[in-house]
Amino acid sequence: MPAVSVNAYQNHSIWGKFSNIQAYETDLGDMNGDGKVNISDVTILIELLLSGGTTESACDVNGDGRVNITDVTILIDLLLNMY
């Protein structure tokens, strides 16, 4: 699963019973690990920030060591420049 989901799975009442929950590497900005960076990833990043944040490297779009609204803005700018 994407690294941003590991904590949620480990703390889940059912999935948390599994002892070997591991993340796989995702592309920068690919929050859901589907191999594409799109508006779904922006939504996930915003939800993560609103729920208390995350420190996962895939979420640190600008590479400054912090995950915040700046990463959301940059991710949106990247998407807009793709089209």
PDB file of N, CA and C in Angstrom:
ATOM      1  N   MET A   1       0.833  -1.173   0.000  1.00  0.00           N
ATOM      2  CA  MET A   1       0.000   0.000   0.000  1.00  0.00           C
ATOM      3  C   MET A   1       0.877   1.235   0.000  1.00  0.00           C
ATOM      4  N   PRO A   2       0.325   2.361  -0.381  1.00  0.00           N
ATOM      5  CA  PRO A   2       1.110   3.594  -0.328  1.00  0.00           C
ATOM      6  C   PRO A   2       1.542   3.887   1.105  1.00  0.00           C
ATOM      7  N   ALA A   3       2.683   4.495   1.251  1.00  0.00           N
ATOM      8  CA  ALA A   3       3.224   4.788   2.580  1.00  0.00           C
ATOM      9  C   ALA A   3       2.281   5.637   3.414  1.00  0.00           C
ATOM     10  N   VAL A   4       1.521   6.517   2.773  1.00  0.00           N
ATOM     11  CA  VAL A   4       0.609   7.380   3.521  1.00  0.00           C
ATOM     12  C   VAL A   4      -0.529   6.606   4.172  1.00  0.00           C
ATOM     13  N   SER A   5      -0.748   5.359   3.770  1.00  0.00           N
ATOM     14  CA  SER A   5      -1.849   4.558   4.303  1.00  0.00           C
ATOM     15  C   SER A   5      -1.438   3.599   5.404  1.00  0.00           C
ATOM     16  N   VAL A   6      -0.155   3.365   5.587  1.00  0.00           N
ATOM     17  CA  VAL A   6       0.315   2.362   6.544  1.00  0.00           C
ATOM     18  C   VAL A   6      -0.216   2.620   7.949  1.00  0.00           C
ATOM     19  N   ASN A   7      -0.094   3.824   8.440  1.00  0.00           N
ATOM     20  CA  ASN A   7      -0.527   4.144   9.788  1.00  0.00           C
ATOM     21  C   ASN A   7      -2.019   3.877   9.974  1.00  0.00           C
ATOM     22  N   ALA A   8      -2.827   4.263   9.011  1.00  0.00           N
ATOM     23  CA  ALA A   8      -4.269   4.045   9.096  1.00  0.00           C
ATOM     24  C   ALA A   8      -4.591   2.555   9.150  1.00  0.00           C
ATOM     25  N   TYR A   9      -3.902   1.751   8.361  1.00  0.00           N
ATOM     26  CA  TYR A   9      -4.130   0.313   8.372  1.00  0.00           C
ATOM     27  C   TYR A   9      -3.670  -0.307   9.694  1.00  0.00           C
ATOM     28  N   GLN A  10      -2.526   0.117  10.202  1.00  0.00           N
ATOM     29  CA  GLN A  10      -2.025  -0.428  11.458  1.00  0.00           C
ATOM     30  C   GLN A  10      -2.957  -0.124  12.626  1.00  0.00           C
ATOM     31  N   ASN A  11      -3.640   1.015  12.581  1.00  0.00           N
ATOM     32  CA  ASN A  11      -4.535   1.422  13.658  1.00  0.00           C
ATOM     33  C   ASN A  11      -5.983   1.002  13.441  1.00  0.00           C
ATOM     34  N   HIS A  12      -6.266   0.361  12.325  1.00  0.00           N
ATOM     35  CA  HIS A  12      -7.630  -0.077  12.017  1.00  0.00           C
ATOM     36  C   HIS A  12      -7.986  -1.301  12.861  1.00  0.00           C
ATOM     37  N   SER A  13      -9.239  -1.407  13.270  1.00  0.00           N
ATOM     38  CA  SER A  13      -9.661  -2.497  14.150  1.00  0.00           C
ATOM     39  C   SER A  13      -9.497  -3.879  13.521  1.00  0.00           C
ATOM     40  N   ILE A  14      -9.655  -3.987  12.228  1.00  0.00           N
ATOM     41  CA  ILE A  14      -9.505  -5.293  11.567  1.00  0.00           C
ATOM     42  C   ILE A  14      -8.140  -5.432  10.904  1.00  0.00           C
ATOM     43  N   TRP A  15      -7.798  -4.481  10.034  1.00  0.00           N
ATOM     44  CA  TRP A  15      -6.518  -4.563   9.314  1.00  0.00           C
ATOM     45  C   TRP A  15      -5.335  -4.523  10.283  1.00  0.00           C
ATOM     46  N   GLY A  16      -5.494  -3.867  11.416  1.00  0.00           N
ATOM     47  CA  GLY A  16      -4.418  -3.769  12.394  1.00  0.00           C
ATOM     48  C   GLY A  16      -4.008  -5.098  12.994  1.00  0.00           C
ATOM     49  N   LYS A  17      -4.818  -6.122  12.797  1.00  0.00           N
ATOM     50  CA  LYS A  17      -4.482  -7.467  13.311  1.00  0.00           C
ATOM     51  C   LYS A  17      -3.389  -8.135  12.485  1.00  0.00           C
ATOM     52  N   PHE A  18      -3.174  -7.642  11.279  1.00  0.00           N
ATOM     53  CA  PHE A  18      -2.105  -8.185  10.441  1.00  0.00           C
ATOM     54  C   PHE A  18      -0.778  -7.626  10.931  1.00  0.00           C
ATOM     55  N   SER A  19       0.216  -8.480  11.050  1.00  0.00           N
ATOM     56  CA  SER A  19       1.490  -8.053  11.632  1.00  0.00           C
ATOM     57  C   SER A  19       2.484  -7.516  10.605  1.00  0.00           C
ATOM     58  N   ASN A  20       2.252  -7.747   9.333  1.00  0.00           N
ATOM     59  CA  ASN A  20       3.233  -7.356   8.322  1.00  0.00           C
ATOM     60  C   ASN A  20       2.618  -6.389   7.321  1.00  0.00           C
ATOM     61  N   ILE A  21       2.302  -5.192   7.776  1.00  0.00           N
ATOM     62  CA  ILE A  21       1.748  -4.157   6.895  1.00  0.00           C
ATOM     63  C   ILE A  21       2.909  -3.301   6.418  1.00  0.00           C
ATOM     64  N   GLN A  22       3.140  -3.304   5.107  1.00  0.00           N
ATOM     65  CA  GLN A  22       4.294  -2.601   4.562  1.00  0.00           C
ATOM     66  C   GLN A  22       3.895  -1.654   3.449  1.00  0.00           C
ATOM     67  N   ALA A  23       4.699  -0.636   3.286  1.00  0.00           N
ATOM     68  CA  ALA A  23       4.496   0.341   2.223  1.00  0.00           C
ATOM     69  C   ALA A  23       5.381   0.018   1.037  1.00  0.00           C
ATOM     70  N   TYR A  24       4.978   0.481  -0.108  1.00  0.00           N
ATOM     71  CA  TYR A  24       5.838   0.425  -1.279  1.00  0.00           C
ATOM     72  C   TYR A  24       6.126   1.853  -1.712  1.00  0.00           C
ATOM     73  N   GLU A  25       7.187   2.018  -2.431  1.00  0.00           N
ATOM     74  CA  GLU A  25       7.590   3.349  -2.881  1.00  0.00           C
ATOM     75  C   GLU A  25       6.606   3.870  -3.921  1.00  0.00           C
ATOM     76  N   THR A  26       6.271   5.123  -3.799  1.00  0.00           N
ATOM     77  CA  THR A  26       5.395   5.771  -4.771  1.00  0.00           C
ATOM     78  C   THR A  26       6.127   6.964  -5.367  1.00  0.00           C
ATOM     79  N   ASP A  27       5.650   7.396  -6.512  1.00  0.00           N
ATOM     80  CA  ASP A  27       6.211   8.595  -7.133  1.00  0.00           C
ATOM     81  C   ASP A  27       5.842   9.812  -6.310  1.00  0.00           C
ATOM     82  N   LEU A  28       6.684  10.793  -6.346  1.00  0.00           N
ATOM     83  CA  LEU A  28       6.434  12.034  -5.636  1.00  0.00           C
ATOM     84  C   LEU A  28       5.084  12.605  -6.036  1.00  0.00           C
ATOM     85  N   GLY A  29       4.229  12.845  -5.058  1.00  0.00           N
ATOM     86  CA  GLY A  29       2.907  13.387  -5.307  1.00  0.00           C
ATOM     87  C   GLY A  29       1.836  12.352  -5.554  1.00  0.00           C
ATOM     88  N   ASP A  30       2.215  11.092  -5.718  1.00  0.00           N
ATOM     89  CA  ASP A  30       1.240  10.021  -5.954  1.00  0.00           C
ATOM     90  C   ASP A  30       0.752   9.497  -4.606  1.00  0.00           C
ATOM     91  N   MET A  31      -0.234  10.156  -4.031  1.00  0.00           N
ATOM     92  CA  MET A  31      -0.703   9.857  -2.680  1.00  0.00           C
ATOM     93  C   MET A  31      -1.398   8.510  -2.563  1.00  0.00           C
ATOM     94  N   ASN A  32      -2.081   8.075  -3.612  1.00  0.00           N
ATOM     95  CA  ASN A  32      -2.824   6.823  -3.522  1.00  0.00           C
ATOM     96  C   ASN A  32      -2.106   5.640  -4.164  1.00  0.00           C
ATOM     97  N   GLY A  33      -0.913   5.862  -4.703  1.00  0.00           N
ATOM     98  CA  GLY A  33      -0.091   4.775  -5.225  1.00  0.00           C
ATOM     99  C   GLY A  33      -0.609   4.119  -6.483  1.00  0.00           C
ATOM    100  N   ASP A  34      -1.418   4.836  -7.269  1.00  0.00           N
ATOM    101  CA  ASP A  34      -1.952   4.239  -8.485  1.00  0.00           C
ATOM    102  C   ASP A  34      -1.054   4.453  -9.705  1.00  0.00           C
ATOM    103  N   GLY A  35       0.114   5.056  -9.491  1.00  0.00           N
ATOM    104  CA  GLY A  35       1.052   5.269 -10.584  1.00  0.00           C
ATOM    105  C   GLY A  35       0.797   6.525 -11.384  1.00  0.00           C
ATOM    106  N   LYS A  36      -0.211   7.307 -10.977  1.00  0.00           N
ATOM    107  CA  LYS A  36      -0.540   8.547 -11.669  1.00  0.00           C
ATOM    108  C   LYS A  36      -0.664   9.661 -10.636  1.00  0.00           C
ATOM    109  N   VAL A  37      -0.294  10.853 -11.039  1.00  0.00           N
ATOM    110  CA  VAL A  37      -0.514  12.026 -10.195  1.00  0.00           C
ATOM    111  C   VAL A  37      -1.660  12.803 -10.813  1.00  0.00           C
ATOM    112  N   ASN A  38      -2.768  12.898 -10.055  1.00  0.00           N
ATOM    113  CA  ASN A  38      -3.948  13.585 -10.564  1.00  0.00           C
ATOM    114  C   ASN A  38      -4.700  14.252  -9.414  1.00  0.00           C
ATOM    115  N   ILE A  39      -5.900  14.743  -9.700  1.00  0.00           N
ATOM    116  CA  ILE A  39      -6.661  15.500  -8.715  1.00  0.00           C
ATOM    117  C   ILE A  39      -7.004  14.647  -7.484  1.00  0.00           C
ATOM    118  N   SER A  40      -7.105  13.352  -7.641  1.00  0.00           N
ATOM    119  CA  SER A  40      -7.354  12.478  -6.490  1.00  0.00           C
ATOM    120  C   SER A  40      -6.227  12.597  -5.473  1.00  0.00           C
ATOM    121  N   ASP A  41      -5.014  12.740  -5.950  1.00  0.00           N
ATOM    122  CA  ASP A  41      -3.866  12.874  -5.056  1.00  0.00           C
ATOM    123  C   ASP A  41      -3.915  14.203  -4.304  1.00  0.00           C
ATOM    124  N   VAL A  42      -4.374  15.252  -4.970  1.00  0.00           N
ATOM    125  CA  VAL A  42      -4.531  16.552  -4.307  1.00  0.00           C
ATOM    126  C   VAL A  42      -5.543  16.420  -3.179  1.00  0.00           C
ATOM    127  N   THR A  43      -6.665  15.780  -3.465  1.00  0.00           N
ATOM    128  CA  THR A  43      -7.713  15.586  -2.458  1.00  0.00           C
ATOM    129  C   THR A  43      -7.189  14.802  -1.262  1.00  0.00           C
ATOM    130  N   ILE A  44      -6.458  13.745  -1.512  1.00  0.00           N
ATOM    131  CA  ILE A  44      -5.902  12.930  -0.424  1.00  0.00           C
ATOM    132  C   ILE A  44      -4.931  13.754   0.415  1.00  0.00           C
ATOM    133  N   LEU A  45      -4.078  14.527  -0.227  1.00  0.00           N
ATOM    134  CA  LEU A  45      -3.113  15.345   0.507  1.00  0.00           C
ATOM    135  C   LEU A  45      -3.828  16.374   1.384  1.00  0.00           C
ATOM    136  N   ILE A  46      -4.861  17.001   0.850  1.00  0.00           N
ATOM    137  CA  ILE A  46      -5.631  17.967   1.645  1.00  0.00           C
ATOM    138  C   ILE A  46      -6.278  17.271   2.841  1.00  0.00           C
ATOM    139  N   GLU A  47      -6.878  16.103   2.622  1.00  0.00           N
ATOM    140  CA  GLU A  47      -7.504  15.361   3.717  1.00  0.00           C
ATOM    141  C   GLU A  47      -6.487  14.968   4.783  1.00  0.00           C
ATOM    142  N   LEU A  48      -5.292  14.565   4.357  1.00  0.00           N
ATOM    143  CA  LEU A  48      -4.239  14.223   5.319  1.00  0.00           C
ATOM    144  C   LEU A  48      -3.860  15.429   6.166  1.00  0.00           C
ATOM    145  N   LEU A  49      -3.723  16.562   5.537  1.00  0.00           N
ATOM    146  CA  LEU A  49      -3.374  17.782   6.275  1.00  0.00           C
ATOM    147  C   LEU A  49      -4.479  18.179   7.250  1.00  0.00           C
ATOM    148  N   LEU A  50      -5.728  18.069   6.817  1.00  0.00           N
ATOM    149  CA  LEU A  50      -6.853  18.442   7.683  1.00  0.00           C
ATOM    150  C   LEU A  50      -7.023  17.486   8.858  1.00  0.00           C
ATOM    151  N   SER A  51      -6.568  16.249   8.688  1.00  0.00           N
ATOM    152  CA  SER A  51      -6.727  15.262   9.757  1.00  0.00           C
ATOM    153  C   SER A  51      -5.542  15.226  10.714  1.00  0.00           C
ATOM    154  N   GLY A  52      -4.611  16.112  10.562  1.00  0.00           N
ATOM    155  CA  GLY A  52      -3.493  16.154  11.492  1.00  0.00           C
ATOM    156  C   GLY A  52      -2.137  16.054  10.846  1.00  0.00           C
ATOM    157  N   GLY A  53      -2.115  15.854   9.555  1.00  0.00           N
ATOM    158  CA  GLY A  53      -0.852  15.879   8.837  1.00  0.00           C
ATOM    159  C   GLY A  53      -0.186  14.528   8.682  1.00  0.00           C
ATOM    160  N   THR A  54       0.924  14.553   8.009  1.00  0.00           N
ATOM    161  CA  THR A  54       1.712  13.363   7.732  1.00  0.00           C
ATOM    162  C   THR A  54       3.148  13.796   7.488  1.00  0.00           C
ATOM    163  N   THR A  55       4.061  12.872   7.597  1.00  0.00           N
ATOM    164  CA  THR A  55       5.468  13.161   7.323  1.00  0.00           C
ATOM    165  C   THR A  55       6.004  12.291   6.198  1.00  0.00           C
ATOM    166  N   GLU A  56       5.141  11.572   5.496  1.00  0.00           N
ATOM    167  CA  GLU A  56       5.572  10.668   4.437  1.00  0.00           C
ATOM    168  C   GLU A  56       6.267  11.425   3.315  1.00  0.00           C
ATOM    169  N   SER A  57       7.342  10.869   2.822  1.00  0.00           N
ATOM    170  CA  SER A  57       8.142  11.560   1.811  1.00  0.00           C
ATOM    171  C   SER A  57       7.393  11.804   0.510  1.00  0.00           C
ATOM    172  N   ALA A  58       6.472  10.929   0.135  1.00  0.00           N
ATOM    173  CA  ALA A  58       5.713  11.139  -1.102  1.00  0.00           C
ATOM    174  C   ALA A  58       4.833  12.376  -1.003  1.00  0.00           C
ATOM    175  N   CYS A  59       4.500  12.783   0.224  1.00  0.00           N
ATOM    176  CA  CYS A  59       3.647  13.955   0.434  1.00  0.00           C
ATOM    177  C   CYS A  59       4.438  15.257   0.420  1.00  0.00           C
ATOM    178  N   ASP A  60       5.734  15.167   0.614  1.00  0.00           N
ATOM    179  CA  ASP A  60       6.587  16.359   0.651  1.00  0.00           C
ATOM    180  C   ASP A  60       6.989  16.709  -0.776  1.00  0.00           C
ATOM    181  N   VAL A  61       6.061  17.304  -1.501  1.00  0.00           N
ATOM    182  CA  VAL A  61       6.229  17.538  -2.931  1.00  0.00           C
ATOM    183  C   VAL A  61       7.397  18.467  -3.233  1.00  0.00           C
ATOM    184  N   ASN A  62       7.623  19.467  -2.401  1.00  0.00           N
ATOM    185  CA  ASN A  62       8.712  20.403  -2.687  1.00  0.00           C
ATOM    186  C   ASN A  62      10.026  20.019  -2.004  1.00  0.00           C
ATOM    187  N   GLY A  63      10.040  18.944  -1.228  1.00  0.00           N
ATOM    188  CA  GLY A  63      11.276  18.422  -0.652  1.00  0.00           C
ATOM    189  C   GLY A  63      11.891  19.266   0.448  1.00  0.00           C
ATOM    190  N   ASP A  64      11.077  20.066   1.144  1.00  0.00           N
ATOM    191  CA  ASP A  64      11.631  20.911   2.199  1.00  0.00           C
ATOM    192  C   ASP A  64      11.613  20.267   3.582  1.00  0.00           C
ATOM    193  N   GLY A  65      11.184  18.998   3.656  1.00  0.00           N
ATOM    194  CA  GLY A  65      11.163  18.291   4.928  1.00  0.00           C
ATOM    195  C   GLY A  65       9.897  18.506   5.737  1.00  0.00           C
ATOM    196  N   ARG A  66       8.962  19.290   5.194  1.00  0.00           N
ATOM    197  CA  ARG A  66       7.684  19.537   5.869  1.00  0.00           C
ATOM    198  C   ARG A  66       6.548  19.248   4.883  1.00  0.00           C
ATOM    199  N   VAL A  67       5.445  18.751   5.411  1.00  0.00           N
ATOM    200  CA  VAL A  67       4.263  18.541   4.583  1.00  0.00           C
ATOM    201  C   VAL A  67       3.223  19.552   5.031  1.00  0.00           C
ATOM    202  N   ASN A  68       2.900  20.479   4.110  1.00  0.00           N
ATOM    203  CA  ASN A  68       1.952  21.543   4.451  1.00  0.00           C
ATOM    204  C   ASN A  68       1.236  22.015   3.192  1.00  0.00           C
ATOM    205  N   ILE A  69       0.498  23.108   3.315  1.00  0.00           N
ATOM    206  CA  ILE A  69      -0.315  23.618   2.211  1.00  0.00           C
ATOM    207  C   ILE A  69       0.536  24.002   0.997  1.00  0.00           C
ATOM    208  N   THR A  70       1.789  24.311   1.209  1.00  0.00           N
ATOM    209  CA  THR A  70       2.679  24.622   0.086  1.00  0.00           C
ATOM    210  C   THR A  70       2.794  23.421  -0.843  1.00  0.00           C
ATOM    211  N   ASP A  71       2.838  22.220  -0.269  1.00  0.00           N
ATOM    212  CA  ASP A  71       2.913  21.007  -1.092  1.00  0.00           C
ATOM    213  C   ASP A  71       1.643  20.825  -1.915  1.00  0.00           C
ATOM    214  N   VAL A  72       0.496  21.172  -1.347  1.00  0.00           N
ATOM    215  CA  VAL A  72      -0.769  21.108  -2.083  1.00  0.00           C
ATOM    216  C   VAL A  72      -0.728  22.074  -3.259  1.00  0.00           C
ATOM    217  N   THR A  73      -0.295  23.281  -3.005  1.00  0.00           N
ATOM    218  CA  THR A  73      -0.222  24.306  -4.052  1.00  0.00           C
ATOM    219  C   THR A  73       0.708  23.873  -5.178  1.00  0.00           C
ATOM    220  N   ILE A  74       1.852  23.342  -4.833  1.00  0.00           N
ATOM    221  CA  ILE A  74       2.807  22.899  -5.851  1.00  0.00           C
ATOM    222  C   ILE A  74       2.242  21.725  -6.637  1.00  0.00           C
ATOM    223  N   LEU A  75       1.579  20.797  -5.954  1.00  0.00           N
ATOM    224  CA  LEU A  75       0.982  19.655  -6.642  1.00  0.00           C
ATOM    225  C   LEU A  75      -0.089  20.119  -7.631  1.00  0.00           C
ATOM    226  N   ILE A  76      -0.904  21.066  -7.236  1.00  0.00           N
ATOM    227  CA  ILE A  76      -1.915  21.623  -8.152  1.00  0.00           C
ATOM    228  C   ILE A  76      -1.245  22.307  -9.335  1.00  0.00           C
ATOM    229  N   ASP A  77      -0.192  23.083  -9.070  1.00  0.00           N
ATOM    230  CA  ASP A  77       0.532  23.747 -10.157  1.00  0.00           C
ATOM    231  C   ASP A  77       1.130  22.730 -11.122  1.00  0.00           C
ATOM    232  N   LEU A  78       1.674  21.649 -10.597  1.00  0.00           N
ATOM    233  CA  LEU A  78       2.230  20.594 -11.461  1.00  0.00           C
ATOM    234  C   LEU A  78       1.140  20.006 -12.359  1.00  0.00           C
ATOM    235  N   LEU A  79      -0.016  19.766 -11.780  1.00  0.00           N
ATOM    236  CA  LEU A  79      -1.119  19.210 -12.577  1.00  0.00           C
ATOM    237  C   LEU A  79      -1.592  20.176 -13.646  1.00  0.00           C
ATOM    238  N   LEU A  80      -1.691  21.433 -13.309  1.00  0.00           N
ATOM    239  CA  LEU A  80      -2.151  22.424 -14.280  1.00  0.00           C
ATOM    240  C   LEU A  80      -1.167  22.589 -15.427  1.00  0.00           C
ATOM    241  N   ASN A  81       0.102  22.452 -15.142  1.00  0.00           N
ATOM    242  CA  ASN A  81       1.124  22.584 -16.192  1.00  0.00           C
ATOM    243  C   ASN A  81       1.245  21.345 -17.055  1.00  0.00           C
ATOM    244  N   MET A  82       0.649  20.216 -16.610  1.00  0.00           N
ATOM    245  CA  MET A  82       0.686  18.979 -17.393  1.00  0.00           C
ATOM    246  C   MET A  82      -0.252  19.048 -18.577  1.00  0.00           C
ATOM    247  N   TYR A  83      -1.268  19.854 -18.475  1.00  0.00           N
ATOM    248  CA  TYR A  83      -2.305  19.852 -19.495  1.00  0.00           C
ATOM    249  C   TYR A  83      -2.188  21.002 -20.430  1.00  0.00           C
TER     250      TYR A  83
END
